[in-house]
Amino acid sequence: MRVLYFAWLREKTGVGQEELSPPAEVNTPRALAAWLAGRGPGHAAAFANMALIRCAVDREFVDLDATLGGAAEVAFFPPVTGG
């Protein structure tokens, strides 16, 4: 699975994307974020406040509690504002 990080999430994790194989029990974006937070202090800081994070699975916006299924790509980013 490819995991993409945008904006300040990329800055905190130190990477724009990673190729990962999370364990089978990581089956929602929220669970993935919790698993990623255990990868180190940068990831922990990025996912410290899930209320500030949005997600897309295979390029479709989803709720953080949606099922990942066989997702090839998961993207995490801050809320998008218009102007």
Protein backbone atom coordinates (compact mmCIF):
# COMPACT_ATOMS: atom_id res chain seq x y z
CA MET A 1 0.00 0.00 0.00
CA ARG A 2 1.22 3.47 -0.84
CA VAL A 3 0.63 6.03 1.92
CA LEU A 4 0.79 9.69 0.92
CA TYR A 5 1.25 12.65 3.27
CA PHE A 6 0.39 16.24 2.33
CA ALA A 7 1.11 19.70 3.78
CA TRP A 8 2.12 19.71 7.45
CA LEU A 9 1.70 15.92 7.69
CA ARG A 10 4.54 15.58 5.17
CA GLU A 11 6.62 18.05 7.16
CA LYS A 12 6.09 16.20 10.44
CA THR A 13 6.69 12.69 9.05
CA GLY A 14 9.63 13.83 6.95
CA VAL A 15 8.38 11.92 3.89
CA GLY A 16 5.87 12.53 1.13
CA GLN A 17 5.03 8.89 0.60
CA GLU A 18 5.86 5.40 1.81
CA GLU A 19 5.24 1.89 0.53
CA LEU A 20 4.00 -0.12 3.53
CA SER A 21 2.41 -3.44 4.42
CA PRO A 22 0.34 -2.85 7.55
CA PRO A 23 -0.92 -5.86 9.51
CA ALA A 24 -4.35 -7.31 8.66
CA GLU A 25 -6.00 -5.79 11.75
CA VAL A 26 -5.26 -2.30 10.37
CA ASN A 27 -8.49 -2.10 8.39
CA THR A 28 -9.57 1.57 8.56
CA PRO A 29 -7.78 4.87 7.93
CA ARG A 30 -8.06 5.62 11.67
CA ALA A 31 -6.40 2.29 12.53
CA LEU A 32 -3.75 2.94 9.88
CA ALA A 33 -3.01 6.35 11.39
CA ALA A 34 -2.67 4.79 14.86
CA TRP A 35 -0.31 2.15 13.45
CA LEU A 36 1.69 4.81 11.61
CA ALA A 37 1.95 6.90 14.79
CA GLY A 38 3.98 4.06 16.29
CA ARG A 39 6.63 4.35 13.57
CA GLY A 40 8.44 7.22 15.29
CA PRO A 41 8.16 10.68 16.81
CA GLY A 42 7.49 12.45 13.49
CA HIS A 43 4.61 10.13 12.65
CA ALA A 44 3.30 10.38 16.22
CA ALA A 45 3.29 14.19 15.94
CA ALA A 46 1.56 14.07 12.55
CA PHE A 47 -1.29 11.91 13.85
CA ALA A 48 -1.58 13.42 17.34
CA ASN A 49 -4.91 15.12 16.56
CA MET A 50 -7.09 13.07 14.22
CA ALA A 51 -9.75 15.82 14.21
CA LEU A 52 -7.40 17.80 11.94
CA ILE A 53 -6.86 15.04 9.39
CA ARG A 54 -8.80 14.06 6.28
CA CYS A 55 -8.29 10.96 4.19
CA ALA A 56 -8.71 9.61 0.68
CA VAL A 57 -8.57 5.92 -0.22
CA ASP A 58 -7.74 5.16 -3.83
CA ARG A 59 -8.35 8.86 -4.61
CA GLU A 60 -11.83 9.03 -3.09
CA PHE A 61 -12.57 11.00 0.08
CA VAL A 62 -13.62 8.68 2.90
CA ASP A 63 -14.49 8.80 6.58
CA LEU A 64 -11.65 7.83 8.91
CA ASP A 65 -13.67 4.78 9.96
CA ALA A 66 -14.26 3.50 6.40
CA THR A 67 -12.98 0.04 5.52
CA LEU A 68 -9.66 -0.01 3.69
CA GLY A 69 -10.33 -3.33 1.96
CA GLY A 70 -7.63 -3.91 -0.64
CA ALA A 71 -6.68 -0.24 -0.95
CA ALA A 72 -3.64 0.48 -3.09
CA GLU A 73 -3.29 4.09 -1.93
CA VAL A 74 -4.21 6.03 1.20
CA ALA A 75 -3.64 9.78 1.42
CA PHE A 76 -3.69 11.85 4.61
CA PHE A 77 -4.01 15.64 4.50
CA PRO A 78 -5.33 18.59 6.51
CA PRO A 79 -8.83 19.96 5.83
CA VAL A 80 -9.00 21.88 2.56
CA THR A 81 -10.25 25.43 2.78
CA GLY A 82 -11.72 27.49 -0.01
CA GLY A 83 -11.33 31.11 -0.71
